Amino acid sequence: MSPYVGRHGLSGQDAVFLSTFEKQLDAKRRIVLPVEFRALTAGPFDGVFCFPAIEADCIEGGGQALFETYKGLIEELPFGDPLRTALETSVYGDMVRLSFDTAGRITLPESLCEMLGLTDWVSVVGMGDRFQIWPRDAYKAHRDRQRQISRADFSAYRTQQRLARGTAAS
């Protein structure tokens, strides 16, 4: 199965980043992104936008659509709002455009690698409209925590949905 799939099972404009890949950084901090991920990042240049994720200690990346999503979220806030300033600093200030070389590799900036502890093996994780790059061991721990949260909260969420549907039907 392809690591990207559209809402209706077809790859295309509504395609999403799926799956997790373990990759090794080379001595120059280069990493080959899966070909399916590269296909989803089409935009004004041949590469990806990357920056430190806001909610986790990893790199968040994607194509023009991800950039536009963050731009839209930031622009919803009034100029001078402390949250807007924080997001502008965190997203725009730390964002880099990484072009693909002829082998489909990107070179991660040394500053991001140092900040996030990316030294050898990394996990490249599809997150729907974006992907994340984690230190491999840190991702395994994060994935385990996320599974615990999913298990604990999913049942309550489904119950809430059923109650909402039942109330709406009354």
N, C-alpha and C. Protein backbone atom coordinates (compact mmCIF):
# COMPACT_ATOMS: atom_id res chain seq x y z
N MET A 1 0.84 -1.18 0.00
CA MET A 1 0.00 0.00 0.00
C MET A 1 0.88 1.24 0.00
N SER A 2 0.49 2.23 -0.74
CA SER A 2 1.23 3.48 -0.83
C SER A 2 1.11 4.25 0.48
N PRO A 3 2.21 4.93 0.92
CA PRO A 3 2.14 5.69 2.15
C PRO A 3 1.40 7.01 2.01
N TYR A 4 0.69 7.22 0.91
CA TYR A 4 -0.22 8.35 0.88
C TYR A 4 -1.47 7.92 0.15
N VAL A 5 -2.57 8.44 0.63
CA VAL A 5 -3.85 8.02 0.11
C VAL A 5 -4.80 9.20 0.21
N GLY A 6 -5.65 9.36 -0.75
CA GLY A 6 -6.65 10.41 -0.69
C GLY A 6 -7.83 9.97 0.16
N ARG A 7 -8.74 10.91 0.39
CA ARG A 7 -9.91 10.62 1.22
C ARG A 7 -10.74 9.47 0.66
N HIS A 8 -10.71 9.31 -0.63
CA HIS A 8 -11.51 8.27 -1.25
C HIS A 8 -10.66 7.10 -1.73
N GLY A 9 -9.46 6.98 -1.16
CA GLY A 9 -8.60 5.86 -1.50
C GLY A 9 -7.73 6.09 -2.72
N LEU A 10 -7.78 7.27 -3.29
CA LEU A 10 -7.00 7.57 -4.48
C LEU A 10 -5.95 8.61 -4.14
N SER A 11 -4.77 8.46 -4.71
CA SER A 11 -3.78 9.52 -4.51
C SER A 11 -4.18 10.70 -5.38
N GLY A 12 -3.81 11.87 -4.94
CA GLY A 12 -4.15 13.06 -5.70
C GLY A 12 -4.12 14.28 -4.81
N GLN A 13 -4.94 15.28 -5.18
CA GLN A 13 -4.89 16.56 -4.51
C GLN A 13 -5.24 16.46 -3.03
N ASP A 14 -6.08 15.52 -2.64
CA ASP A 14 -6.45 15.39 -1.23
C ASP A 14 -5.61 14.33 -0.53
N ALA A 15 -4.45 14.02 -1.09
CA ALA A 15 -3.57 13.00 -0.52
C ALA A 15 -2.99 13.47 0.81
N VAL A 16 -2.60 12.50 1.62
CA VAL A 16 -2.06 12.80 2.94
C VAL A 16 -0.77 12.01 3.18
N PHE A 17 0.06 12.53 4.08
CA PHE A 17 1.28 11.83 4.48
C PHE A 17 0.89 10.71 5.43
N LEU A 18 1.29 9.49 5.11
CA LEU A 18 1.00 8.33 5.94
C LEU A 18 2.27 7.52 6.19
N SER A 19 2.26 6.74 7.24
CA SER A 19 3.30 5.77 7.58
C SER A 19 4.48 6.41 8.31
N THR A 20 5.34 5.52 8.80
CA THR A 20 6.55 5.92 9.51
C THR A 20 7.72 5.21 8.86
N PHE A 21 8.79 5.95 8.64
CA PHE A 21 9.99 5.41 8.01
C PHE A 21 11.18 5.71 8.90
N GLU A 22 12.05 4.75 9.07
CA GLU A 22 13.30 4.99 9.78
C GLU A 22 14.38 5.25 8.73
N LYS A 23 15.09 6.35 8.93
CA LYS A 23 16.12 6.77 7.98
C LYS A 23 17.38 7.14 8.76
N GLN A 24 18.51 7.00 8.11
CA GLN A 24 19.77 7.37 8.75
C GLN A 24 20.27 8.67 8.14
N LEU A 25 20.63 9.62 9.01
CA LEU A 25 21.27 10.84 8.54
C LEU A 25 22.70 10.50 8.13
N ASP A 26 23.16 11.06 7.03
CA ASP A 26 24.55 10.84 6.67
C ASP A 26 25.41 11.90 7.37
N ALA A 27 26.70 11.89 7.12
CA ALA A 27 27.64 12.79 7.80
C ALA A 27 27.34 14.26 7.52
N LYS A 28 26.64 14.54 6.43
CA LYS A 28 26.31 15.93 6.09
C LYS A 28 24.89 16.30 6.53
N ARG A 29 24.25 15.44 7.36
CA ARG A 29 22.88 15.66 7.87
C ARG A 29 21.83 15.58 6.75
N ARG A 30 22.13 14.77 5.73
CA ARG A 30 21.17 14.60 4.64
C ARG A 30 20.29 13.41 4.93
N ILE A 31 19.07 13.51 4.46
CA ILE A 31 18.10 12.42 4.63
C ILE A 31 17.29 12.33 3.34
N VAL A 32 17.01 11.11 2.93
CA VAL A 32 16.15 10.89 1.77
C VAL A 32 14.72 10.79 2.26
N LEU A 33 13.88 11.71 1.80
CA LEU A 33 12.46 11.61 2.13
C LEU A 33 11.81 10.58 1.21
N PRO A 34 10.84 9.82 1.71
CA PRO A 34 10.16 8.85 0.84
C PRO A 34 9.62 9.55 -0.42
N VAL A 35 9.68 8.86 -1.53
CA VAL A 35 9.26 9.43 -2.81
C VAL A 35 7.81 9.91 -2.73
N GLU A 36 6.97 9.20 -1.99
CA GLU A 36 5.57 9.60 -1.86
C GLU A 36 5.45 10.93 -1.12
N PHE A 37 6.32 11.15 -0.14
CA PHE A 37 6.31 12.42 0.59
C PHE A 37 6.75 13.55 -0.34
N ARG A 38 7.76 13.27 -1.16
CA ARG A 38 8.25 14.30 -2.08
C ARG A 38 7.14 14.69 -3.06
N ALA A 39 6.35 13.73 -3.50
CA ALA A 39 5.27 14.02 -4.45
C ALA A 39 4.21 14.92 -3.83
N LEU A 40 4.04 14.85 -2.53
CA LEU A 40 3.01 15.64 -1.86
C LEU A 40 3.43 17.06 -1.53
N THR A 41 4.67 17.41 -1.78
CA THR A 41 5.15 18.73 -1.39
C THR A 41 5.24 19.69 -2.56
N ALA A 42 4.60 19.36 -3.67
CA ALA A 42 4.66 20.21 -4.86
C ALA A 42 4.28 21.64 -4.49
N GLY A 43 5.03 22.56 -4.99
CA GLY A 43 4.77 23.97 -4.69
C GLY A 43 5.65 24.85 -5.53
N PRO A 44 5.93 26.03 -5.01
CA PRO A 44 6.71 27.00 -5.80
C PRO A 44 8.18 26.63 -5.95
N PHE A 45 8.66 25.67 -5.20
CA PHE A 45 10.04 25.22 -5.35
C PHE A 45 10.08 23.72 -5.08
N ASP A 46 11.17 23.07 -5.47
CA ASP A 46 11.31 21.63 -5.34
C ASP A 46 11.92 21.30 -3.97
N GLY A 47 11.08 21.28 -2.94
CA GLY A 47 11.57 21.01 -1.61
C GLY A 47 10.46 21.08 -0.58
N VAL A 48 10.86 21.26 0.67
CA VAL A 48 9.91 21.29 1.78
C VAL A 48 10.20 22.48 2.69
N PHE A 49 9.18 22.86 3.44
CA PHE A 49 9.31 23.83 4.51
C PHE A 49 9.47 23.03 5.80
N CYS A 50 10.43 23.38 6.63
CA CYS A 50 10.64 22.69 7.90
C CYS A 50 10.90 23.71 9.01
N PHE A 51 10.46 23.37 10.22
CA PHE A 51 10.69 24.21 11.39
C PHE A 51 10.48 23.36 12.63
N PRO A 52 10.96 23.81 13.79
CA PRO A 52 10.72 23.02 15.01
C PRO A 52 9.22 22.99 15.30
N ALA A 53 8.68 21.81 15.51
CA ALA A 53 7.25 21.68 15.81
C ALA A 53 6.92 22.45 17.08
N ILE A 54 5.72 22.96 17.13
CA ILE A 54 5.28 23.74 18.29
C ILE A 54 4.94 22.83 19.46
N GLU A 55 4.31 21.70 19.21
CA GLU A 55 3.81 20.85 20.29
C GLU A 55 4.71 19.68 20.67
N ALA A 56 5.85 19.55 20.02
CA ALA A 56 6.73 18.41 20.32
C ALA A 56 8.17 18.76 19.94
N ASP A 57 9.10 17.98 20.45
CA ASP A 57 10.52 18.19 20.15
C ASP A 57 10.93 17.42 18.90
N CYS A 58 10.50 17.92 17.76
CA CYS A 58 10.80 17.30 16.47
C CYS A 58 10.71 18.38 15.41
N ILE A 59 11.08 18.02 14.19
CA ILE A 59 10.91 18.91 13.05
C ILE A 59 9.55 18.66 12.44
N GLU A 60 8.86 19.73 12.09
CA GLU A 60 7.61 19.60 11.36
C GLU A 60 7.89 20.04 9.94
N GLY A 61 7.36 19.32 8.97
CA GLY A 61 7.64 19.65 7.59
C GLY A 61 6.45 19.39 6.69
N GLY A 62 6.50 19.99 5.53
CA GLY A 62 5.47 19.79 4.54
C GLY A 62 5.70 20.71 3.36
N GLY A 63 4.75 20.75 2.49
CA GLY A 63 4.85 21.56 1.28
C GLY A 63 4.17 22.90 1.45
N GLN A 64 3.83 23.51 0.33
CA GLN A 64 3.20 24.83 0.33
C GLN A 64 1.89 24.82 1.11
N ALA A 65 1.15 23.73 1.08
CA ALA A 65 -0.13 23.68 1.80
C ALA A 65 0.08 23.83 3.30
N LEU A 66 1.12 23.23 3.85
CA LEU A 66 1.40 23.37 5.27
C LEU A 66 1.78 24.81 5.59
N PHE A 67 2.63 25.41 4.75
CA PHE A 67 3.00 26.81 4.95
C PHE A 67 1.75 27.69 4.96
N GLU A 68 0.85 27.48 4.01
CA GLU A 68 -0.37 28.28 3.92
C GLU A 68 -1.27 28.07 5.14
N THR A 69 -1.31 26.85 5.66
CA THR A 69 -2.11 26.57 6.86
C THR A 69 -1.61 27.40 8.04
N TYR A 70 -0.31 27.36 8.28
CA TYR A 70 0.25 28.14 9.39
C TYR A 70 0.10 29.64 9.15
N LYS A 71 0.30 30.07 7.92
CA LYS A 71 0.14 31.49 7.60
C LYS A 71 -1.29 31.94 7.91
N GLY A 72 -2.26 31.13 7.52
CA GLY A 72 -3.66 31.45 7.80
C GLY A 72 -3.96 31.51 9.28
N LEU A 73 -3.44 30.56 10.04
CA LEU A 73 -3.66 30.56 11.49
C LEU A 73 -3.06 31.80 12.14
N ILE A 74 -1.86 32.15 11.71
CA ILE A 74 -1.18 33.33 12.27
C ILE A 74 -1.94 34.60 11.92
N GLU A 75 -2.39 34.70 10.68
CA GLU A 75 -3.08 35.92 10.24
C GLU A 75 -4.46 36.09 10.85
N GLU A 76 -5.04 35.03 11.44
CA GLU A 76 -6.31 35.17 12.14
C GLU A 76 -6.17 36.00 13.41
N LEU A 77 -4.97 36.03 13.95
CA LEU A 77 -4.72 36.78 15.19
C LEU A 77 -4.39 38.23 14.85
N PRO A 78 -4.83 39.17 15.70
CA PRO A 78 -4.53 40.58 15.41
C PRO A 78 -3.04 40.88 15.55
N PHE A 79 -2.58 41.81 14.71
CA PHE A 79 -1.19 42.24 14.77
C PHE A 79 -0.88 42.73 16.18
N GLY A 80 0.25 42.29 16.71
CA GLY A 80 0.64 42.69 18.06
C GLY A 80 0.16 41.76 19.16
N ASP A 81 -0.74 40.84 18.85
CA ASP A 81 -1.19 39.87 19.85
C ASP A 81 0.00 39.01 20.26
N PRO A 82 0.19 38.78 21.57
CA PRO A 82 1.35 38.00 22.01
C PRO A 82 1.42 36.59 21.39
N LEU A 83 0.28 35.94 21.20
CA LEU A 83 0.30 34.61 20.59
C LEU A 83 0.73 34.72 19.13
N ARG A 84 0.25 35.74 18.42
CA ARG A 84 0.66 35.92 17.03
C ARG A 84 2.18 36.12 16.96
N THR A 85 2.70 36.96 17.82
CA THR A 85 4.14 37.22 17.83
C THR A 85 4.92 35.94 18.14
N ALA A 86 4.43 35.17 19.10
CA ALA A 86 5.10 33.91 19.45
C ALA A 86 5.08 32.94 18.27
N LEU A 87 3.94 32.83 17.58
CA LEU A 87 3.85 31.94 16.42
C LEU A 87 4.71 32.44 15.26
N GLU A 88 4.72 33.74 15.03
CA GLU A 88 5.57 34.28 13.97
C GLU A 88 7.04 33.94 14.24
N THR A 89 7.44 34.10 15.50
CA THR A 89 8.82 33.80 15.87
C THR A 89 9.10 32.31 15.72
N SER A 90 8.20 31.48 16.24
CA SER A 90 8.41 30.02 16.24
C SER A 90 8.31 29.41 14.85
N VAL A 91 7.38 29.90 14.05
CA VAL A 91 7.16 29.30 12.73
C VAL A 91 8.01 30.01 11.68
N TYR A 92 7.75 31.28 11.44
CA TYR A 92 8.49 31.99 10.40
C TYR A 92 9.97 32.15 10.75
N GLY A 93 10.25 32.48 12.01
CA GLY A 93 11.62 32.75 12.41
C GLY A 93 12.53 31.54 12.34
N ASP A 94 11.98 30.36 12.60
CA ASP A 94 12.78 29.14 12.58
C ASP A 94 12.58 28.29 11.33
N MET A 95 11.70 28.74 10.42
CA MET A 95 11.40 27.96 9.22
C MET A 95 12.54 28.04 8.21
N VAL A 96 12.81 26.91 7.59
CA VAL A 96 13.79 26.86 6.50
C VAL A 96 13.16 26.17 5.30
N ARG A 97 13.58 26.59 4.14
CA ARG A 97 13.18 25.92 2.89
C ARG A 97 14.32 24.99 2.53
N LEU A 98 14.00 23.72 2.44
CA LEU A 98 15.02 22.72 2.12
C LEU A 98 14.73 22.13 0.75
N SER A 99 15.61 22.37 -0.18
CA SER A 99 15.44 21.87 -1.55
C SER A 99 15.92 20.43 -1.64
N PHE A 100 15.28 19.68 -2.53
CA PHE A 100 15.71 18.31 -2.81
C PHE A 100 16.91 18.33 -3.73
N ASP A 101 17.89 17.46 -3.46
CA ASP A 101 18.98 17.31 -4.41
C ASP A 101 18.55 16.26 -5.45
N THR A 102 19.44 15.91 -6.35
CA THR A 102 19.08 14.98 -7.43
C THR A 102 18.73 13.59 -6.92
N ALA A 103 19.15 13.24 -5.69
CA ALA A 103 18.84 11.93 -5.11
C ALA A 103 17.60 11.99 -4.21
N GLY A 104 16.91 13.14 -4.17
CA GLY A 104 15.71 13.26 -3.34
C GLY A 104 16.01 13.51 -1.87
N ARG A 105 17.23 13.98 -1.59
CA ARG A 105 17.62 14.24 -0.21
C ARG A 105 17.43 15.71 0.14
N ILE A 106 17.19 15.95 1.44
CA ILE A 106 17.26 17.30 1.98
C ILE A 106 18.39 17.30 3.00
N THR A 107 18.98 18.46 3.21
CA THR A 107 20.03 18.60 4.21
C THR A 107 19.46 19.38 5.38
N LEU A 108 19.37 18.72 6.53
CA LEU A 108 18.81 19.36 7.71
C LEU A 108 19.83 20.35 8.27
N PRO A 109 19.38 21.55 8.63
CA PRO A 109 20.31 22.54 9.18
C PRO A 109 20.91 22.05 10.51
N GLU A 110 22.18 22.35 10.70
CA GLU A 110 22.87 21.95 11.92
C GLU A 110 22.15 22.48 13.16
N SER A 111 21.63 23.71 13.08
CA SER A 111 20.95 24.30 14.24
C SER A 111 19.73 23.48 14.65
N LEU A 112 18.93 23.02 13.69
CA LEU A 112 17.76 22.20 14.01
C LEU A 112 18.19 20.85 14.56
N CYS A 113 19.22 20.26 13.97
CA CYS A 113 19.69 18.96 14.46
C CYS A 113 20.17 19.05 15.90
N GLU A 114 20.92 20.10 16.20
CA GLU A 114 21.41 20.29 17.57
C GLU A 114 20.26 20.55 18.53
N MET A 115 19.32 21.42 18.14
CA MET A 115 18.19 21.79 18.98
C MET A 115 17.34 20.57 19.36
N LEU A 116 17.19 19.64 18.41
CA LEU A 116 16.25 18.53 18.58
C LEU A 116 16.94 17.17 18.78
N GLY A 117 18.24 17.15 18.84
CA GLY A 117 18.96 15.91 19.10
C GLY A 117 18.94 14.92 17.96
N LEU A 118 18.93 15.44 16.72
CA LEU A 118 18.95 14.57 15.54
C LEU A 118 20.40 14.30 15.18
N THR A 119 20.86 13.07 15.44
CA THR A 119 22.27 12.77 15.23
C THR A 119 22.52 11.61 14.28
N ASP A 120 21.71 10.58 14.33
CA ASP A 120 22.00 9.37 13.56
C ASP A 120 20.72 8.88 12.90
N TRP A 121 20.01 7.98 13.55
CA TRP A 121 18.78 7.43 13.01
C TRP A 121 17.61 8.32 13.40
N VAL A 122 16.71 8.55 12.43
CA VAL A 122 15.53 9.36 12.67
C VAL A 122 14.29 8.60 12.20
N SER A 123 13.16 9.00 12.73
CA SER A 123 11.87 8.50 12.27
C SER A 123 11.18 9.63 11.53
N VAL A 124 10.73 9.35 10.30
CA VAL A 124 9.97 10.29 9.50
C VAL A 124 8.53 9.81 9.56
N VAL A 125 7.66 10.63 10.15
CA VAL A 125 6.31 10.20 10.51
C VAL A 125 5.26 10.99 9.74
N GLY A 126 4.44 10.29 8.96
CA GLY A 126 3.33 10.94 8.28
C GLY A 126 2.27 11.36 9.26
N MET A 127 1.80 12.60 9.13
CA MET A 127 0.82 13.16 10.06
C MET A 127 -0.37 13.77 9.30
N GLY A 128 -0.74 13.16 8.19
CA GLY A 128 -1.86 13.68 7.42
C GLY A 128 -1.43 14.81 6.51
N ASP A 129 -1.59 16.05 6.97
CA ASP A 129 -1.25 17.20 6.15
C ASP A 129 0.19 17.65 6.32
N ARG A 130 0.96 16.91 7.11
CA ARG A 130 2.35 17.26 7.37
C ARG A 130 3.11 16.00 7.74
N PHE A 131 4.41 16.14 7.92
CA PHE A 131 5.21 15.04 8.46
C PHE A 131 6.09 15.59 9.56
N GLN A 132 6.62 14.70 10.38
CA GLN A 132 7.53 15.09 11.44
C GLN A 132 8.79 14.23 11.35
N ILE A 133 9.91 14.81 11.76
CA ILE A 133 11.19 14.10 11.81
C ILE A 133 11.65 14.11 13.26
N TRP A 134 11.78 12.91 13.83
CA TRP A 134 12.10 12.72 15.24
C TRP A 134 13.41 11.96 15.39
N PRO A 135 14.13 12.19 16.51
CA PRO A 135 15.16 11.21 16.86
C PRO A 135 14.45 9.86 17.06
N ARG A 136 14.99 8.79 16.53
CA ARG A 136 14.28 7.51 16.51
C ARG A 136 13.79 7.07 17.89
N ASP A 137 14.64 7.08 18.90
CA ASP A 137 14.24 6.63 20.23
C ASP A 137 13.20 7.55 20.86
N ALA A 138 13.35 8.86 20.65
CA ALA A 138 12.37 9.81 21.18
C ALA A 138 11.01 9.57 20.54
N TYR A 139 10.99 9.25 19.23
CA TYR A 139 9.71 8.98 18.59
C TYR A 139 9.04 7.74 19.16
N LYS A 140 9.82 6.70 19.42
CA LYS A 140 9.22 5.49 19.99
C LYS A 140 8.54 5.78 21.32
N ALA A 141 9.17 6.58 22.16
CA ALA A 141 8.57 6.95 23.44
C ALA A 141 7.32 7.82 23.22
N HIS A 142 7.40 8.77 22.30
CA HIS A 142 6.27 9.63 21.97
C HIS A 142 5.10 8.81 21.43
N ARG A 143 5.40 7.90 20.52
CA ARG A 143 4.36 7.04 19.94
C ARG A 143 3.66 6.24 21.03
N ASP A 144 4.42 5.70 21.98
CA ASP A 144 3.81 4.93 23.08
C ASP A 144 2.90 5.81 23.92
N ARG A 145 3.31 7.05 24.22
CA ARG A 145 2.46 7.98 24.99
C ARG A 145 1.20 8.31 24.20
N GLN A 146 1.32 8.53 22.91
CA GLN A 146 0.16 8.87 22.09
C GLN A 146 -0.82 7.71 22.02
N ARG A 147 -0.31 6.49 21.97
CA ARG A 147 -1.20 5.32 21.96
C ARG A 147 -1.95 5.22 23.29
N GLN A 148 -1.29 5.50 24.39
CA GLN A 148 -1.96 5.48 25.70
C GLN A 148 -3.07 6.53 25.74
N ILE A 149 -2.79 7.72 25.25
CA ILE A 149 -3.81 8.77 25.21
C ILE A 149 -4.97 8.34 24.33
N SER A 150 -4.67 7.78 23.17
CA SER A 150 -5.72 7.33 22.26
C SER A 150 -6.62 6.29 22.92
N ARG A 151 -6.00 5.33 23.54
CA ARG A 151 -6.79 4.28 24.21
C ARG A 151 -7.64 4.84 25.32
N ALA A 152 -7.08 5.72 26.11
CA ALA A 152 -7.80 6.27 27.26
C ALA A 152 -8.94 7.19 26.84
N ASP A 153 -8.72 7.98 25.79
CA ASP A 153 -9.69 9.02 25.45
C ASP A 153 -10.65 8.65 24.32
N PHE A 154 -10.33 7.64 23.51
CA PHE A 154 -11.16 7.34 22.36
C PHE A 154 -12.56 6.87 22.76
N SER A 155 -12.64 6.01 23.73
CA SER A 155 -13.94 5.52 24.17
C SER A 155 -14.82 6.66 24.67
N ALA A 156 -14.25 7.54 25.46
CA ALA A 156 -15.01 8.68 25.96
C ALA A 156 -15.46 9.59 24.81
N TYR A 157 -14.59 9.77 23.84
CA TYR A 157 -14.92 10.60 22.69
C TYR A 157 -16.09 10.00 21.91
N ARG A 158 -16.04 8.70 21.65
CA ARG A 158 -17.13 8.03 20.92
C ARG A 158 -18.44 8.12 21.69
N THR A 159 -18.39 7.96 23.02
CA THR A 159 -19.59 8.08 23.84
C THR A 159 -20.16 9.49 23.70
N GLN A 160 -19.31 10.48 23.75
CA GLN A 160 -19.74 11.86 23.60
C GLN A 160 -20.40 12.08 22.23
N GLN A 161 -19.85 11.50 21.17
CA GLN A 161 -20.44 11.62 19.84
C GLN A 161 -21.82 10.98 19.80
N ARG A 162 -21.94 9.78 20.38
CA ARG A 162 -23.24 9.09 20.38
C ARG A 162 -24.28 9.91 21.15
N LEU A 163 -23.88 10.46 22.27
CA LEU A 163 -24.81 11.28 23.06
C LEU A 163 -25.22 12.52 22.28
N ALA A 164 -24.29 13.14 21.59
CA ALA A 164 -24.60 14.33 20.80
C ALA A 164 -25.56 13.99 19.67
N ARG A 165 -25.38 12.85 19.02
CA ARG A 165 -26.29 12.43 17.95
C ARG A 165 -27.67 12.13 18.52
N GLY A 166 -27.70 11.49 19.68
CA GLY A 166 -28.98 11.18 20.31
C GLY A 166 -29.72 12.40 20.73
N THR A 167 -29.01 13.40 21.23
CA THR A 167 -29.62 14.67 21.65
C THR A 167 -30.11 15.42 20.43
N ALA A 168 -29.34 15.41 19.36
CA ALA A 168 -29.73 16.12 18.13
C ALA A 168 -30.95 15.46 17.50
N ALA A 169 -31.10 14.15 17.66
CA ALA A 169 -32.24 13.44 17.06
C ALA A 169 -33.52 13.67 17.84
N SER A 170 -33.42 14.09 19.09
CA SER A 170 -34.62 14.30 19.93
C SER A 170 -35.37 15.53 19.56
